[in-house]
Amino acid sequence: MFEKSLERLAEQILALDEASLASLWNKYKNRMENFDTSKEWEKSVIIFFIINAVRVKNKIFNEQIMQLQETQTGDKKPPGDVPYLKRIK
């Protein structure tokens, strides 16, 4: 039962839009940094880490997709934000 509850919660979180979550990041970061013993503070910490979890999940997902595409096409991209340029004759 506990595991099913976590799975349902994960499904709901996955349905959230990262851009909308990102707009709440500062609010919950600031709330978390102002410790008190309330349930609201505890919820703020959980929400902050949920937002970060979605961001990290998306970053890992995107990196893995890029690696798969590079493997399939044979393209190697340089590290960082430098655009990949290919000489065409």
Protein backbone atom coordinates (compact mmCIF):
# COMPACT_ATOMS: atom_id res chain seq x y z
CA MET A 1 0.00 0.00 0.00
CA PHE A 2 2.81 2.41 0.92
CA GLU A 3 4.65 1.71 -2.32
CA LYS A 4 1.47 2.24 -4.36
CA SER A 5 1.01 5.62 -2.68
CA LEU A 6 4.54 6.62 -3.63
CA GLU A 7 4.00 5.47 -7.21
CA ARG A 8 0.81 7.55 -7.49
CA LEU A 9 2.65 10.53 -6.04
CA ALA A 10 5.47 10.07 -8.56
CA GLU A 11 2.94 9.95 -11.42
CA GLN A 12 1.39 13.21 -10.22
CA ILE A 13 4.81 14.87 -9.94
CA LEU A 14 5.82 13.68 -13.42
CA ALA A 15 2.69 15.36 -14.79
CA LEU A 16 3.85 18.76 -13.47
CA ASP A 17 5.43 21.25 -15.84
CA GLU A 18 9.09 21.99 -15.05
CA ALA A 19 8.75 25.64 -16.10
CA SER A 20 5.89 26.16 -13.67
CA LEU A 21 7.83 24.42 -10.92
CA ALA A 22 10.91 26.52 -11.65
CA SER A 23 8.90 29.68 -11.06
CA LEU A 24 8.24 28.44 -7.50
CA TRP A 25 11.84 27.46 -6.75
CA ASN A 26 12.88 30.77 -5.10
CA LYS A 27 9.72 30.93 -3.00
CA TYR A 28 10.33 27.51 -1.45
CA LYS A 29 14.07 28.00 -1.20
CA ASN A 30 13.54 31.18 0.82
CA ARG A 31 10.86 29.56 2.94
CA MET A 32 13.10 26.56 3.64
CA GLU A 33 16.02 28.80 4.65
CA ASN A 34 13.85 30.49 7.31
CA PHE A 35 13.60 27.58 9.72
CA ASP A 36 10.79 27.22 12.16
CA THR A 37 9.11 24.21 13.72
CA SER A 38 5.88 24.42 11.74
CA LYS A 39 4.35 21.86 9.38
CA GLU A 40 4.41 24.59 6.71
CA TRP A 41 8.19 24.76 6.95
CA GLU A 42 8.40 20.97 6.66
CA LYS A 43 6.15 21.01 3.59
CA SER A 44 8.28 23.76 2.06
CA VAL A 45 11.38 21.60 2.38
CA ILE A 46 9.64 18.67 0.70
CA ILE A 47 8.30 20.89 -2.10
CA PHE A 48 11.74 22.43 -2.66
CA PHE A 49 13.31 19.00 -3.04
CA ILE A 50 10.50 17.79 -5.32
CA ILE A 51 11.17 20.76 -7.61
CA ASN A 52 14.90 19.95 -7.58
CA ALA A 53 14.20 16.27 -8.20
CA VAL A 54 12.18 17.09 -11.32
CA ARG A 55 14.93 19.40 -12.56
CA VAL A 56 17.65 16.79 -12.00
CA LYS A 57 15.53 14.05 -13.57
CA ASN A 58 14.99 16.18 -16.68
CA LYS A 59 18.69 17.04 -16.91
CA ILE A 60 19.71 13.38 -16.69
CA PHE A 61 16.98 12.40 -19.16
CA ASN A 62 18.08 15.02 -21.70
CA GLU A 63 21.76 14.08 -21.36
CA GLN A 64 20.93 10.42 -21.92
CA ILE A 65 18.82 11.22 -25.00
CA MET A 66 21.69 13.29 -26.41
CA GLN A 67 24.12 10.42 -25.81
CA LEU A 68 21.79 7.99 -27.55
CA GLN A 69 21.47 10.32 -30.53
CA GLU A 70 25.24 10.77 -30.72
CA THR A 71 25.75 7.02 -30.56
CA GLN A 72 23.22 6.41 -33.32
CA THR A 73 24.49 9.16 -35.64
CA GLY A 74 28.17 8.99 -34.76
CA ASP A 75 28.25 12.73 -34.09
CA LYS A 76 30.54 13.88 -31.32
CA LYS A 77 29.78 17.23 -29.77
CA PRO A 78 32.40 19.26 -27.92
CA PRO A 79 31.83 19.84 -24.21
CA GLY A 80 30.10 22.97 -23.00
CA ASP A 81 27.89 25.33 -24.94
CA VAL A 82 30.16 25.51 -27.97
CA PRO A 83 28.13 24.70 -31.08
CA TYR A 84 29.20 21.68 -33.05
CA LEU A 85 30.50 22.74 -36.45
CA LYS A 86 31.07 20.30 -39.25
CA ARG A 87 33.10 21.13 -42.34
CA ILE A 88 31.18 20.43 -45.52
CA LYS A 89 32.95 20.29 -48.89
